[in-house]
């Protein structure tokens, strides 16, 4: 079993526990693959909700760059909503889970599937 295959169940568990949703495993796997080796590095595998530069990176590189969304106020509001639902006390906010939830939020599953 690959390291990615070991991590995906952790991401799925977070989606179930923190967001109360059954994850689309095909989409979750595609998001994990899309992040490449970043999922294996402790720092890059997580999103810091308290770092404005990190939130800006998610907005610019993922929402605008990857998903092709137009730049507007709704992007940062969606990021904050996902992070708030994930939980302020939750230290390990997995990037895969955050990107998965943002992809679902904006209905951009077609980028991955």
C-alpha atoms as a PDB file:
ATOM      1  CA  UNK A   1       0.000   0.000   0.000  1.00  0.00           C
ATOM      2  CA  UNK A   2       1.396   3.394  -0.987  1.00  0.00           C
ATOM      3  CA  UNK A   3       1.811   6.239   1.454  1.00  0.00           C
ATOM      4  CA  UNK A   4      -0.943   8.165  -0.363  1.00  0.00           C
ATOM      5  CA  UNK A   5      -3.274   5.179   0.040  1.00  0.00           C
ATOM      6  CA  UNK A   6      -2.543   5.258   3.779  1.00  0.00           C
ATOM      7  CA  UNK A   7      -3.324   8.996   4.042  1.00  0.00           C
ATOM      8  CA  UNK A   8      -6.603   9.044   2.110  1.00  0.00           C
ATOM      9  CA  UNK A   9      -8.568   7.240   4.882  1.00  0.00           C
ATOM     10  CA  UNK A  10      -7.334   9.909   7.349  1.00  0.00           C
ATOM     11  CA  UNK A  11      -8.680  12.624   5.062  1.00  0.00           C
ATOM     12  CA  UNK A  12     -11.977  10.774   4.636  1.00  0.00           C
ATOM     13  CA  UNK A  13     -12.316  10.422   8.418  1.00  0.00           C
ATOM     14  CA  UNK A  14     -11.809  14.180   8.850  1.00  0.00           C
ATOM     15  CA  UNK A  15     -14.527  14.909   6.288  1.00  0.00           C
ATOM     16  CA  UNK A  16     -16.930  12.584   8.105  1.00  0.00           C
ATOM     17  CA  UNK A  17     -16.065  13.804  11.606  1.00  0.00           C
ATOM     18  CA  UNK A  18     -15.549  17.531  11.065  1.00  0.00           C
ATOM     19  CA  UNK A  19     -17.952  18.218   8.199  1.00  0.00           C
ATOM     20  CA  UNK A  20     -20.545  15.479   8.736  1.00  0.00           C
ATOM     21  CA  UNK A  21     -20.384  14.353   5.115  1.00  0.00           C
ATOM     22  CA  UNK A  22     -19.639  11.113   3.345  1.00  0.00           C
ATOM     23  CA  UNK A  23     -16.704  11.913   1.073  1.00  0.00           C
ATOM     24  CA  UNK A  24     -16.685  11.221  -2.643  1.00  0.00           C
ATOM     25  CA  UNK A  25     -13.652   8.939  -2.540  1.00  0.00           C
ATOM     26  CA  UNK A  26     -12.902   9.359  -6.235  1.00  0.00           C
ATOM     27  CA  UNK A  27     -12.779  13.141  -5.888  1.00  0.00           C
ATOM     28  CA  UNK A  28     -10.818  12.935  -2.634  1.00  0.00           C
ATOM     29  CA  UNK A  29      -8.233  10.691  -4.279  1.00  0.00           C
ATOM     30  CA  UNK A  30      -8.011  13.036  -7.289  1.00  0.00           C
ATOM     31  CA  UNK A  31      -7.418  16.062  -5.033  1.00  0.00           C
ATOM     32  CA  UNK A  32      -4.695  14.151  -3.162  1.00  0.00           C
ATOM     33  CA  UNK A  33      -3.041  13.170  -6.447  1.00  0.00           C
ATOM     34  CA  UNK A  34      -3.302  16.767  -7.666  1.00  0.00           C
ATOM     35  CA  UNK A  35      -1.334  17.997  -4.663  1.00  0.00           C
ATOM     36  CA  UNK A  36       1.497  15.626  -5.505  1.00  0.00           C
ATOM     37  CA  UNK A  37       4.394  15.337  -3.069  1.00  0.00           C
ATOM     38  CA  UNK A  38       3.092  18.243  -0.955  1.00  0.00           C
ATOM     39  CA  UNK A  39       0.895  15.776   0.972  1.00  0.00           C
ATOM     40  CA  UNK A  40       3.989  14.025   2.361  1.00  0.00           C
ATOM     41  CA  UNK A  41       5.641  17.101   3.887  1.00  0.00           C
ATOM     42  CA  UNK A  42       4.382  17.966   7.372  1.00  0.00           C
ATOM     43  CA  UNK A  43       4.169  21.722   6.713  1.00  0.00           C
ATOM     44  CA  UNK A  44       2.867  21.754   3.145  1.00  0.00           C
ATOM     45  CA  UNK A  45       0.313  19.021   3.891  1.00  0.00           C
ATOM     46  CA  UNK A  46      -1.518  21.353   6.270  1.00  0.00           C
ATOM     47  CA  UNK A  47      -3.213  24.732   6.040  1.00  0.00           C
ATOM     48  CA  UNK A  48      -2.591  27.287   8.767  1.00  0.00           C
ATOM     49  CA  UNK A  49      -5.862  29.105   9.276  1.00  0.00           C
ATOM     50  CA  UNK A  50      -4.206  31.834  11.318  1.00  0.00           C
ATOM     51  CA  UNK A  51      -1.638  32.817   8.682  1.00  0.00           C
ATOM     52  CA  UNK A  52      -2.964  35.476   6.255  1.00  0.00           C
ATOM     53  CA  UNK A  53      -0.212  34.654   3.743  1.00  0.00           C
ATOM     54  CA  UNK A  54      -1.293  31.005   3.749  1.00  0.00           C
ATOM     55  CA  UNK A  55      -4.926  31.935   3.148  1.00  0.00           C
ATOM     56  CA  UNK A  56      -3.852  34.203   0.303  1.00  0.00           C
ATOM     57  CA  UNK A  57      -1.889  31.319  -1.229  1.00  0.00           C
ATOM     58  CA  UNK A  58      -4.973  29.081  -1.086  1.00  0.00           C
ATOM     59  CA  UNK A  59      -7.045  31.827  -2.715  1.00  0.00           C
ATOM     60  CA  UNK A  60      -4.544  32.711  -5.429  1.00  0.00           C
ATOM     61  CA  UNK A  61      -2.967  29.356  -6.286  1.00  0.00           C
ATOM     62  CA  UNK A  62      -5.869  26.996  -5.730  1.00  0.00           C
ATOM     63  CA  UNK A  63      -9.164  28.819  -6.134  1.00  0.00           C
ATOM     64  CA  UNK A  64      -8.078  31.178  -8.904  1.00  0.00           C
ATOM     65  CA  UNK A  65      -5.200  29.201 -10.430  1.00  0.00           C
ATOM     66  CA  UNK A  66      -6.424  25.603 -10.243  1.00  0.00           C
ATOM     67  CA  UNK A  67     -10.215  25.946 -10.117  1.00  0.00           C
ATOM     68  CA  UNK A  68     -10.298  28.978 -12.431  1.00  0.00           C
ATOM     69  CA  UNK A  69     -12.617  31.029 -10.244  1.00  0.00           C
ATOM     70  CA  UNK A  70     -12.895  34.796 -10.696  1.00  0.00           C
ATOM     71  CA  UNK A  71     -11.239  36.835  -7.975  1.00  0.00           C
ATOM     72  CA  UNK A  72     -13.839  38.256  -5.589  1.00  0.00           C
ATOM     73  CA  UNK A  73     -14.747  38.485  -1.906  1.00  0.00           C
ATOM     74  CA  UNK A  74     -16.564  35.138  -1.980  1.00  0.00           C
ATOM     75  CA  UNK A  75     -13.283  33.256  -2.288  1.00  0.00           C
ATOM     76  CA  UNK A  76     -11.824  34.323   1.042  1.00  0.00           C
ATOM     77  CA  UNK A  77     -15.245  33.962   2.691  1.00  0.00           C
ATOM     78  CA  UNK A  78     -15.407  30.343   1.501  1.00  0.00           C
ATOM     79  CA  UNK A  79     -11.900  29.619   2.783  1.00  0.00           C
ATOM     80  CA  UNK A  80     -12.799  31.035   6.191  1.00  0.00           C
ATOM     81  CA  UNK A  81     -16.064  29.079   6.260  1.00  0.00           C
ATOM     82  CA  UNK A  82     -14.300  25.789   5.530  1.00  0.00           C
ATOM     83  CA  UNK A  83     -11.612  26.478   8.135  1.00  0.00           C
ATOM     84  CA  UNK A  84     -14.222  27.494  10.706  1.00  0.00           C
ATOM     85  CA  UNK A  85     -16.185  24.303  10.114  1.00  0.00           C
ATOM     86  CA  UNK A  86     -12.951  22.312  10.331  1.00  0.00           C
ATOM     87  CA  UNK A  87     -12.548  23.832  13.794  1.00  0.00           C
ATOM     88  CA  UNK A  88     -10.289  26.509  15.235  1.00  0.00           C
ATOM     89  CA  UNK A  89      -8.890  24.071  17.784  1.00  0.00           C
ATOM     90  CA  UNK A  90      -8.063  21.524  15.078  1.00  0.00           C
ATOM     91  CA  UNK A  91      -4.315  21.942  14.503  1.00  0.00           C
ATOM     92  CA  UNK A  92      -4.035  19.532  11.604  1.00  0.00           C
ATOM     93  CA  UNK A  93      -6.183  21.017   8.894  1.00  0.00           C
ATOM     94  CA  UNK A  94      -5.172  18.800   6.023  1.00  0.00           C
ATOM     95  CA  UNK A  95      -4.677  20.677   2.758  1.00  0.00           C
ATOM     96  CA  UNK A  96      -6.339  17.829   0.850  1.00  0.00           C
ATOM     97  CA  UNK A  97      -9.477  18.142   2.992  1.00  0.00           C
ATOM     98  CA  UNK A  98      -9.568  21.943   2.702  1.00  0.00           C
ATOM     99  CA  UNK A  99      -9.114  21.784  -1.100  1.00  0.00           C
ATOM    100  CA  UNK A 100     -11.700  18.988  -1.378  1.00  0.00           C
ATOM    101  CA  UNK A 101     -14.256  20.999   0.601  1.00  0.00           C
ATOM    102  CA  UNK A 102     -13.577  24.158  -1.442  1.00  0.00           C
ATOM    103  CA  UNK A 103     -13.914  22.171  -4.665  1.00  0.00           C
ATOM    104  CA  UNK A 104     -17.305  20.885  -3.499  1.00  0.00           C
ATOM    105  CA  UNK A 105     -18.340  24.325  -2.209  1.00  0.00           C
ATOM    106  CA  UNK A 106     -17.827  25.899  -5.620  1.00  0.00           C
ATOM    107  CA  UNK A 107     -19.137  22.900  -7.599  1.00  0.00           C
ATOM    108  CA  UNK A 108     -15.847  22.512  -9.485  1.00  0.00           C
ATOM    109  CA  UNK A 109     -15.553  18.721  -9.271  1.00  0.00           C
ATOM    110  CA  UNK A 110     -15.162  18.642 -13.063  1.00  0.00           C
ATOM    111  CA  UNK A 111     -11.641  20.065 -12.672  1.00  0.00           C
ATOM    112  CA  UNK A 112     -10.621  16.733 -11.133  1.00  0.00           C
ATOM    113  CA  UNK A 113     -13.058  14.154 -12.522  1.00  0.00           C
END
